[in-house]
N, C-alpha and C. Protein backbone atom coordinates (compact mmCIF):
# COMPACT_ATOMS: atom_id res chain seq x y z
N MET A 1 0.85 -1.17 0.00
CA MET A 1 0.00 0.00 0.00
C MET A 1 0.90 1.23 0.00
N SER A 2 0.65 2.13 -0.92
CA SER A 2 1.44 3.36 -1.01
C SER A 2 0.99 4.35 0.05
N GLU A 3 1.99 4.92 0.72
CA GLU A 3 1.72 5.95 1.71
C GLU A 3 2.48 7.21 1.35
N TYR A 4 1.92 8.33 1.79
CA TYR A 4 2.53 9.62 1.52
C TYR A 4 2.45 10.48 2.77
N ARG A 5 3.47 11.33 2.96
CA ARG A 5 3.57 12.19 4.14
C ARG A 5 3.40 13.64 3.72
N GLU A 6 2.50 14.34 4.40
CA GLU A 6 2.26 15.76 4.14
C GLU A 6 3.46 16.55 4.68
N ARG A 7 4.02 17.42 3.88
CA ARG A 7 5.26 18.10 4.21
C ARG A 7 5.16 19.06 5.39
N THR A 8 4.05 19.71 5.58
CA THR A 8 3.96 20.71 6.66
C THR A 8 3.47 20.11 7.97
N THR A 9 2.50 19.21 7.92
CA THR A 9 1.94 18.66 9.16
C THR A 9 2.57 17.34 9.57
N GLY A 10 3.19 16.62 8.60
CA GLY A 10 3.76 15.31 8.90
C GLY A 10 2.74 14.20 8.88
N GLU A 11 1.51 14.51 8.53
CA GLU A 11 0.45 13.51 8.50
C GLU A 11 0.71 12.48 7.40
N VAL A 12 0.54 11.21 7.72
CA VAL A 12 0.77 10.12 6.78
C VAL A 12 -0.57 9.47 6.45
N LYS A 13 -0.82 9.35 5.14
CA LYS A 13 -2.07 8.72 4.68
C LYS A 13 -1.75 7.83 3.48
N SER A 14 -2.67 6.91 3.21
CA SER A 14 -2.56 6.08 2.02
C SER A 14 -2.92 6.91 0.79
N GLN A 15 -2.59 6.38 -0.39
CA GLN A 15 -2.92 7.08 -1.62
C GLN A 15 -4.43 7.31 -1.73
N GLY A 16 -5.21 6.30 -1.34
CA GLY A 16 -6.67 6.46 -1.38
C GLY A 16 -7.17 7.55 -0.45
N GLU A 17 -6.58 7.65 0.72
CA GLU A 17 -6.98 8.70 1.67
C GLU A 17 -6.60 10.08 1.14
N TRP A 18 -5.45 10.19 0.47
CA TRP A 18 -5.08 11.48 -0.11
C TRP A 18 -5.99 11.83 -1.27
N ARG A 19 -6.37 10.83 -2.06
CA ARG A 19 -7.32 11.11 -3.16
C ARG A 19 -8.63 11.66 -2.60
N ALA A 20 -9.10 11.08 -1.50
CA ALA A 20 -10.34 11.55 -0.88
C ALA A 20 -10.18 12.95 -0.31
N ALA A 21 -8.96 13.29 0.13
CA ALA A 21 -8.71 14.62 0.69
C ALA A 21 -8.67 15.70 -0.41
N PHE A 22 -8.46 15.30 -1.64
CA PHE A 22 -8.42 16.22 -2.78
C PHE A 22 -9.50 15.83 -3.78
N PRO A 23 -10.78 15.93 -3.41
CA PRO A 23 -11.84 15.43 -4.29
C PRO A 23 -12.00 16.22 -5.59
N ASN A 24 -11.55 17.46 -5.61
CA ASN A 24 -11.73 18.29 -6.81
C ASN A 24 -10.49 18.32 -7.69
N MET A 25 -9.50 17.50 -7.37
CA MET A 25 -8.27 17.45 -8.15
C MET A 25 -8.24 16.16 -8.95
N SER A 26 -8.00 16.28 -10.25
CA SER A 26 -7.89 15.11 -11.10
C SER A 26 -6.48 14.56 -10.93
N LEU A 27 -6.38 13.35 -10.43
CA LEU A 27 -5.08 12.75 -10.13
C LEU A 27 -4.81 11.56 -11.03
N PRO A 28 -3.60 11.46 -11.55
CA PRO A 28 -3.26 10.30 -12.39
C PRO A 28 -3.14 9.04 -11.54
N ARG A 29 -3.10 7.91 -12.21
CA ARG A 29 -2.97 6.64 -11.51
C ARG A 29 -1.60 6.52 -10.85
N VAL A 30 -0.54 6.89 -11.56
CA VAL A 30 0.82 6.86 -11.03
C VAL A 30 1.21 8.27 -10.62
N TRP A 31 1.67 8.41 -9.40
CA TRP A 31 2.02 9.73 -8.87
C TRP A 31 3.52 9.97 -9.05
N THR A 32 3.84 10.96 -9.85
CA THR A 32 5.23 11.35 -10.07
C THR A 32 5.61 12.41 -9.04
N SER A 33 6.86 12.86 -9.12
CA SER A 33 7.31 13.91 -8.20
C SER A 33 6.54 15.21 -8.43
N ASN A 34 6.11 15.46 -9.65
CA ASN A 34 5.32 16.67 -9.94
C ASN A 34 3.96 16.62 -9.22
N VAL A 35 3.33 15.45 -9.22
CA VAL A 35 2.04 15.29 -8.54
C VAL A 35 2.24 15.49 -7.03
N CYS A 36 3.29 14.88 -6.50
CA CYS A 36 3.57 15.02 -5.07
C CYS A 36 3.84 16.48 -4.70
N ASP A 37 4.59 17.20 -5.54
CA ASP A 37 4.86 18.61 -5.27
C ASP A 37 3.57 19.42 -5.29
N ALA A 38 2.67 19.13 -6.23
CA ALA A 38 1.41 19.86 -6.32
C ALA A 38 0.54 19.62 -5.08
N MET A 39 0.66 18.43 -4.49
CA MET A 39 -0.14 18.08 -3.31
C MET A 39 0.61 18.36 -2.00
N ASN A 40 1.89 18.78 -2.11
CA ASN A 40 2.73 19.06 -0.95
C ASN A 40 2.93 17.82 -0.07
N ILE A 41 3.21 16.70 -0.74
CA ILE A 41 3.42 15.43 -0.03
C ILE A 41 4.70 14.77 -0.53
N ASP A 42 5.21 13.84 0.26
CA ASP A 42 6.37 13.03 -0.12
C ASP A 42 5.99 11.56 0.02
N PRO A 43 6.50 10.72 -0.89
CA PRO A 43 6.22 9.29 -0.75
C PRO A 43 6.94 8.72 0.46
N VAL A 44 6.33 7.73 1.09
CA VAL A 44 6.96 6.99 2.18
C VAL A 44 7.41 5.66 1.59
N LEU A 45 8.72 5.44 1.64
CA LEU A 45 9.29 4.24 1.04
C LEU A 45 9.29 3.09 2.03
N ALA A 46 9.23 1.88 1.50
CA ALA A 46 9.28 0.68 2.35
C ALA A 46 10.68 0.55 2.93
N SER A 47 10.75 -0.02 4.11
CA SER A 47 12.05 -0.28 4.75
C SER A 47 11.98 -1.63 5.44
N PRO A 48 13.13 -2.22 5.73
CA PRO A 48 13.13 -3.54 6.36
C PRO A 48 12.64 -3.47 7.80
N ALA A 49 12.15 -4.59 8.27
CA ALA A 49 11.71 -4.69 9.67
C ALA A 49 12.92 -4.57 10.59
N ALA A 50 12.66 -4.23 11.83
CA ALA A 50 13.72 -4.11 12.83
C ALA A 50 14.32 -5.48 13.13
N THR A 51 15.58 -5.48 13.49
CA THR A 51 16.25 -6.70 13.91
C THR A 51 15.76 -7.05 15.30
N THR A 52 15.36 -8.30 15.50
CA THR A 52 14.78 -8.69 16.77
C THR A 52 15.52 -9.88 17.37
N SER A 53 15.31 -10.06 18.66
CA SER A 53 15.84 -11.24 19.35
C SER A 53 14.72 -12.27 19.46
N ALA A 54 14.98 -13.36 20.16
CA ALA A 54 14.01 -14.46 20.23
C ALA A 54 12.66 -14.06 20.82
N TYR A 55 12.66 -13.12 21.74
CA TYR A 55 11.40 -12.75 22.41
C TYR A 55 11.00 -11.32 22.08
N GLN A 56 11.25 -10.91 20.85
CA GLN A 56 10.86 -9.60 20.37
C GLN A 56 10.15 -9.73 19.04
N THR A 57 9.37 -8.69 18.71
CA THR A 57 8.74 -8.60 17.40
C THR A 57 9.10 -7.24 16.81
N SER A 58 8.99 -7.13 15.51
CA SER A 58 9.22 -5.87 14.83
C SER A 58 7.87 -5.18 14.66
N ALA A 59 7.79 -3.91 15.10
CA ALA A 59 6.52 -3.19 15.03
C ALA A 59 6.72 -1.87 14.29
N ARG A 60 5.75 -1.51 13.49
CA ARG A 60 5.77 -0.23 12.77
C ARG A 60 5.60 0.89 13.77
N ASP A 61 6.45 1.92 13.63
CA ASP A 61 6.43 3.05 14.56
C ASP A 61 6.53 4.36 13.79
N GLY A 62 5.61 4.54 12.86
CA GLY A 62 5.57 5.78 12.10
C GLY A 62 6.54 5.80 10.94
N VAL A 63 7.02 7.01 10.63
CA VAL A 63 7.96 7.20 9.53
C VAL A 63 9.13 8.04 10.03
N GLU A 64 10.24 7.96 9.30
CA GLU A 64 11.41 8.76 9.64
C GLU A 64 12.16 9.07 8.35
N GLN A 65 13.02 10.08 8.43
CA GLN A 65 13.81 10.45 7.27
C GLN A 65 15.13 9.71 7.31
N ASN A 66 15.51 9.10 6.19
CA ASN A 66 16.78 8.36 6.14
C ASN A 66 17.92 9.30 5.76
N ALA A 67 19.12 8.75 5.62
CA ALA A 67 20.31 9.55 5.33
C ALA A 67 20.23 10.25 3.98
N ASN A 68 19.41 9.74 3.07
CA ASN A 68 19.25 10.35 1.74
C ASN A 68 18.18 11.43 1.73
N GLY A 69 17.52 11.64 2.85
CA GLY A 69 16.45 12.63 2.91
C GLY A 69 15.10 12.09 2.50
N ASP A 70 15.02 10.79 2.24
CA ASP A 70 13.74 10.17 1.87
C ASP A 70 12.98 9.80 3.13
N TRP A 71 11.66 9.80 3.03
CA TRP A 71 10.83 9.35 4.15
C TRP A 71 10.62 7.85 3.99
N VAL A 72 10.88 7.11 5.07
CA VAL A 72 10.78 5.65 5.06
C VAL A 72 9.98 5.18 6.27
N GLU A 73 9.45 3.96 6.15
CA GLU A 73 8.75 3.35 7.28
C GLU A 73 9.74 3.14 8.42
N LYS A 74 9.30 3.41 9.64
CA LYS A 74 10.15 3.22 10.80
C LYS A 74 9.66 1.99 11.56
N TYR A 75 10.58 1.08 11.86
CA TYR A 75 10.26 -0.11 12.64
C TYR A 75 11.13 -0.16 13.88
N VAL A 76 10.56 -0.65 14.96
CA VAL A 76 11.31 -0.82 16.21
C VAL A 76 11.10 -2.24 16.72
N ALA A 77 12.08 -2.71 17.48
CA ALA A 77 11.97 -4.02 18.12
C ALA A 77 11.22 -3.84 19.43
N LYS A 78 10.16 -4.61 19.61
CA LYS A 78 9.38 -4.53 20.85
C LYS A 78 9.40 -5.89 21.54
N ASP A 79 9.50 -5.84 22.86
CA ASP A 79 9.46 -7.07 23.63
C ASP A 79 8.09 -7.72 23.49
N MET A 80 8.08 -9.03 23.37
CA MET A 80 6.81 -9.77 23.28
C MET A 80 6.13 -9.86 24.64
N PHE A 81 6.93 -9.79 25.70
CA PHE A 81 6.40 -10.03 27.04
C PHE A 81 6.82 -8.92 27.99
N ALA A 82 6.06 -8.77 29.07
CA ALA A 82 6.36 -7.82 30.13
C ALA A 82 5.85 -8.40 31.44
N ASP A 83 6.30 -7.82 32.55
CA ASP A 83 5.76 -8.23 33.84
C ASP A 83 4.28 -7.89 33.87
N THR A 84 3.47 -8.80 34.42
CA THR A 84 2.03 -8.57 34.50
C THR A 84 1.52 -8.89 35.89
N THR A 85 0.36 -8.34 36.21
CA THR A 85 -0.34 -8.66 37.45
C THR A 85 -1.78 -8.94 37.07
N ASP A 86 -2.29 -10.12 37.44
CA ASP A 86 -3.67 -10.45 37.09
C ASP A 86 -4.64 -9.82 38.09
N GLU A 87 -5.92 -10.07 37.88
CA GLU A 87 -6.96 -9.44 38.71
C GLU A 87 -6.91 -9.88 40.17
N ASP A 88 -6.24 -10.99 40.45
CA ASP A 88 -6.10 -11.46 41.84
C ASP A 88 -4.81 -10.96 42.49
N GLY A 89 -4.06 -10.13 41.77
CA GLY A 89 -2.82 -9.60 42.31
C GLY A 89 -1.62 -10.50 42.14
N VAL A 90 -1.76 -11.58 41.38
CA VAL A 90 -0.65 -12.50 41.15
C VAL A 90 0.25 -11.92 40.07
N LYS A 91 1.52 -11.77 40.40
CA LYS A 91 2.48 -11.19 39.46
C LYS A 91 3.20 -12.29 38.69
N THR A 92 3.36 -12.05 37.41
CA THR A 92 4.12 -12.95 36.55
C THR A 92 5.20 -12.11 35.89
N THR A 93 6.45 -12.56 36.02
CA THR A 93 7.56 -11.79 35.47
C THR A 93 7.70 -12.02 33.97
N LYS A 94 8.42 -11.11 33.35
CA LYS A 94 8.73 -11.23 31.93
C LYS A 94 9.45 -12.56 31.67
N ALA A 95 10.39 -12.91 32.55
CA ALA A 95 11.14 -14.16 32.40
C ALA A 95 10.22 -15.38 32.47
N GLN A 96 9.22 -15.34 33.33
CA GLN A 96 8.26 -16.45 33.42
C GLN A 96 7.43 -16.57 32.14
N HIS A 97 7.02 -15.43 31.59
CA HIS A 97 6.28 -15.44 30.33
C HIS A 97 7.15 -16.02 29.21
N GLU A 98 8.42 -15.60 29.17
CA GLU A 98 9.33 -16.09 28.13
C GLU A 98 9.56 -17.60 28.28
N ALA A 99 9.71 -18.07 29.51
CA ALA A 99 9.93 -19.50 29.76
C ALA A 99 8.71 -20.31 29.31
N ALA A 100 7.52 -19.81 29.59
CA ALA A 100 6.29 -20.50 29.18
C ALA A 100 6.18 -20.53 27.66
N TYR A 101 6.51 -19.42 27.02
CA TYR A 101 6.48 -19.35 25.56
C TYR A 101 7.48 -20.33 24.97
N GLN A 102 8.70 -20.34 25.51
CA GLN A 102 9.73 -21.25 25.01
C GLN A 102 9.32 -22.70 25.22
N SER A 103 8.67 -22.98 26.34
CA SER A 103 8.20 -24.33 26.61
C SER A 103 7.19 -24.78 25.55
N THR A 104 6.30 -23.88 25.16
CA THR A 104 5.33 -24.18 24.12
C THR A 104 6.03 -24.42 22.78
N LEU A 105 7.00 -23.57 22.45
CA LEU A 105 7.75 -23.77 21.21
C LEU A 105 8.47 -25.11 21.21
N ASP A 106 9.11 -25.44 22.34
CA ASP A 106 9.82 -26.71 22.45
C ASP A 106 8.87 -27.90 22.31
N ALA A 107 7.70 -27.80 22.92
CA ALA A 107 6.72 -28.89 22.84
C ALA A 107 6.25 -29.09 21.40
N ASN A 108 6.03 -27.99 20.68
CA ASN A 108 5.61 -28.09 19.28
C ASN A 108 6.72 -28.68 18.42
N THR A 109 7.97 -28.27 18.68
CA THR A 109 9.11 -28.80 17.95
C THR A 109 9.27 -30.29 18.24
N ALA A 110 9.12 -30.67 19.50
CA ALA A 110 9.24 -32.08 19.88
C ALA A 110 8.18 -32.92 19.17
N THR A 111 6.96 -32.42 19.11
CA THR A 111 5.88 -33.14 18.42
C THR A 111 6.23 -33.33 16.95
N SER A 112 6.73 -32.28 16.32
CA SER A 112 7.11 -32.36 14.91
C SER A 112 8.27 -33.35 14.71
N ASN A 113 9.26 -33.29 15.60
CA ASN A 113 10.40 -34.20 15.48
C ASN A 113 10.00 -35.65 15.72
N ARG A 114 9.07 -35.88 16.63
CA ARG A 114 8.59 -37.24 16.85
C ARG A 114 7.88 -37.77 15.61
N ALA A 115 7.12 -36.90 14.95
CA ALA A 115 6.44 -37.31 13.72
C ALA A 115 7.46 -37.65 12.63
N THR A 116 8.52 -36.86 12.54
CA THR A 116 9.58 -37.14 11.57
C THR A 116 10.25 -38.46 11.90
N ARG A 117 10.55 -38.66 13.18
CA ARG A 117 11.18 -39.91 13.62
C ARG A 117 10.29 -41.10 13.30
N ASP A 118 9.00 -40.98 13.60
CA ASP A 118 8.06 -42.08 13.33
C ASP A 118 7.98 -42.40 11.83
N ALA A 119 8.03 -41.35 11.01
CA ALA A 119 7.98 -41.56 9.56
C ALA A 119 9.24 -42.29 9.08
N LYS A 120 10.39 -41.89 9.63
CA LYS A 120 11.65 -42.55 9.26
C LYS A 120 11.64 -44.02 9.70
N LEU A 121 11.09 -44.28 10.86
CA LEU A 121 10.97 -45.68 11.32
C LEU A 121 10.01 -46.45 10.42
N ALA A 122 8.90 -45.84 10.05
CA ALA A 122 7.91 -46.51 9.20
C ALA A 122 8.51 -46.85 7.83
N GLU A 123 9.40 -45.97 7.32
CA GLU A 123 10.04 -46.23 6.03
C GLU A 123 10.92 -47.48 6.07
N THR A 124 11.40 -47.82 7.26
CA THR A 124 12.31 -48.97 7.38
C THR A 124 11.65 -50.18 8.05
N ASP A 125 10.36 -50.10 8.33
CA ASP A 125 9.67 -51.21 8.99
C ASP A 125 9.77 -52.52 8.20
N TRP A 126 9.82 -52.43 6.90
CA TRP A 126 9.86 -53.65 6.09
C TRP A 126 11.12 -54.47 6.37
N HIS A 127 12.16 -53.81 6.91
CA HIS A 127 13.38 -54.56 7.25
C HIS A 127 13.14 -55.54 8.41
N GLY A 128 12.06 -55.34 9.15
CA GLY A 128 11.77 -56.20 10.29
C GLY A 128 10.78 -57.31 9.99
N MET A 129 10.41 -57.46 8.72
CA MET A 129 9.46 -58.53 8.37
C MET A 129 10.12 -59.90 8.55
N SER A 130 9.31 -60.89 8.74
CA SER A 130 9.82 -62.23 9.06
C SER A 130 10.65 -62.85 7.94
N ASP A 131 10.42 -62.43 6.70
CA ASP A 131 11.18 -63.02 5.60
C ASP A 131 12.39 -62.17 5.20
N VAL A 132 12.74 -61.15 6.02
CA VAL A 132 13.89 -60.29 5.74
C VAL A 132 14.80 -60.31 6.96
N THR A 133 16.09 -60.46 6.72
CA THR A 133 17.06 -60.40 7.81
C THR A 133 17.57 -58.97 7.91
N MET A 134 17.33 -58.34 9.07
CA MET A 134 17.73 -56.96 9.25
C MET A 134 19.24 -56.90 9.52
N SER A 135 19.91 -56.01 8.78
CA SER A 135 21.36 -55.85 8.96
C SER A 135 21.64 -55.16 10.30
N SER A 136 22.84 -55.34 10.79
CA SER A 136 23.20 -54.69 12.07
C SER A 136 23.22 -53.17 11.90
N GLU A 137 23.57 -52.67 10.70
CA GLU A 137 23.56 -51.22 10.46
C GLU A 137 22.13 -50.66 10.54
N MET A 138 21.19 -51.43 9.97
CA MET A 138 19.79 -51.00 10.02
C MET A 138 19.28 -51.06 11.46
N THR A 139 19.65 -52.09 12.20
CA THR A 139 19.25 -52.20 13.61
C THR A 139 19.79 -51.01 14.40
N THR A 140 21.04 -50.65 14.17
CA THR A 140 21.66 -49.51 14.85
C THR A 140 20.96 -48.21 14.48
N TYR A 141 20.65 -48.05 13.19
CA TYR A 141 19.96 -46.85 12.71
C TYR A 141 18.58 -46.72 13.36
N ARG A 142 17.83 -47.78 13.36
CA ARG A 142 16.49 -47.74 13.94
C ARG A 142 16.55 -47.47 15.45
N GLN A 143 17.54 -48.02 16.12
CA GLN A 143 17.68 -47.76 17.56
C GLN A 143 18.05 -46.29 17.79
N ALA A 144 18.91 -45.74 16.92
CA ALA A 144 19.29 -44.33 17.04
C ALA A 144 18.06 -43.43 16.84
N LEU A 145 17.17 -43.82 15.94
CA LEU A 145 15.93 -43.05 15.75
C LEU A 145 15.07 -43.11 17.01
N ARG A 146 14.97 -44.30 17.61
CA ARG A 146 14.17 -44.43 18.83
C ARG A 146 14.78 -43.62 19.98
N ASP A 147 16.11 -43.50 20.00
CA ASP A 147 16.80 -42.80 21.08
C ASP A 147 16.97 -41.31 20.81
N ILE A 148 16.44 -40.80 19.71
CA ILE A 148 16.66 -39.40 19.34
C ILE A 148 16.16 -38.43 20.42
N THR A 149 15.16 -38.83 21.19
CA THR A 149 14.63 -37.94 22.23
C THR A 149 15.60 -37.74 23.39
N THR A 150 16.66 -38.54 23.44
CA THR A 150 17.68 -38.36 24.49
C THR A 150 18.88 -37.58 23.97
N HIS A 151 18.82 -37.13 22.73
CA HIS A 151 19.92 -36.36 22.15
C HIS A 151 20.09 -35.05 22.92
N GLU A 152 21.32 -34.59 23.07
CA GLU A 152 21.62 -33.39 23.86
C GLU A 152 20.92 -32.14 23.32
N ASN A 153 20.62 -32.09 22.03
CA ASN A 153 19.96 -30.91 21.44
C ASN A 153 18.43 -31.04 21.39
N TRP A 154 17.89 -32.15 21.87
CA TRP A 154 16.44 -32.36 21.81
C TRP A 154 15.73 -31.24 22.56
N PRO A 155 14.66 -30.66 22.03
CA PRO A 155 13.98 -30.98 20.78
C PRO A 155 14.46 -30.15 19.59
N ASN A 156 15.42 -29.26 19.85
CA ASN A 156 15.87 -28.34 18.80
C ASN A 156 17.01 -28.96 17.99
N LEU A 157 16.65 -29.98 17.23
CA LEU A 157 17.64 -30.73 16.45
C LEU A 157 18.01 -30.01 15.16
N GLU A 158 19.23 -30.21 14.75
CA GLU A 158 19.70 -29.74 13.45
C GLU A 158 19.75 -30.97 12.54
N ASP A 159 19.89 -30.75 11.25
CA ASP A 159 19.94 -31.87 10.31
C ASP A 159 21.06 -32.87 10.67
N ALA A 160 22.19 -32.34 11.12
CA ALA A 160 23.34 -33.20 11.46
C ALA A 160 23.08 -34.06 12.69
N ASP A 161 22.08 -33.71 13.50
CA ASP A 161 21.79 -34.48 14.71
C ASP A 161 21.04 -35.78 14.43
N TRP A 162 20.41 -35.86 13.29
CA TRP A 162 19.65 -37.06 12.92
C TRP A 162 20.59 -38.16 12.47
N PRO A 163 20.29 -39.40 12.83
CA PRO A 163 21.13 -40.51 12.35
C PRO A 163 20.98 -40.67 10.83
N THR A 164 22.02 -41.18 10.22
CA THR A 164 22.04 -41.38 8.77
C THR A 164 21.63 -42.81 8.46
N ALA A 165 20.68 -42.93 7.54
CA ALA A 165 20.22 -44.27 7.15
C ALA A 165 21.32 -45.01 6.41
N PRO A 166 21.44 -46.31 6.66
CA PRO A 166 22.49 -47.08 5.95
C PRO A 166 22.14 -47.27 4.49
């Protein structure tokens, strides 16, 4: 969505809002610098989101002028959590909120990894049929898959943490 900033007041509106503000002005579909000068506005350019940490989000915080003198979207990193007090006066710290959030993320990751592990085991189940002799490498691989939940990085596994199929 295109946004424009009024030069004197600093007010930021979308192109549609500016069109509505100038109902008696015939405006082209594409706004050039001449159109912006006639309306006393500057375009607001897109900018990247703020750099965030694990428990932060990037939030839009108005517009600002960059080193080139252009107006750009301004983003700031905001904490996802803060200390809170519920209606009964029970206080929960930011750290407790973060720990609960991380616990939920870990539980979801563990569920996904278990599903991956189960699928890998299912792919090799035929090696355990009565008319097939399972190799010791396959036995070791399948046991490593079953033991993956005891891996030091569980549940946040990397590709290298998974056992390699023989």
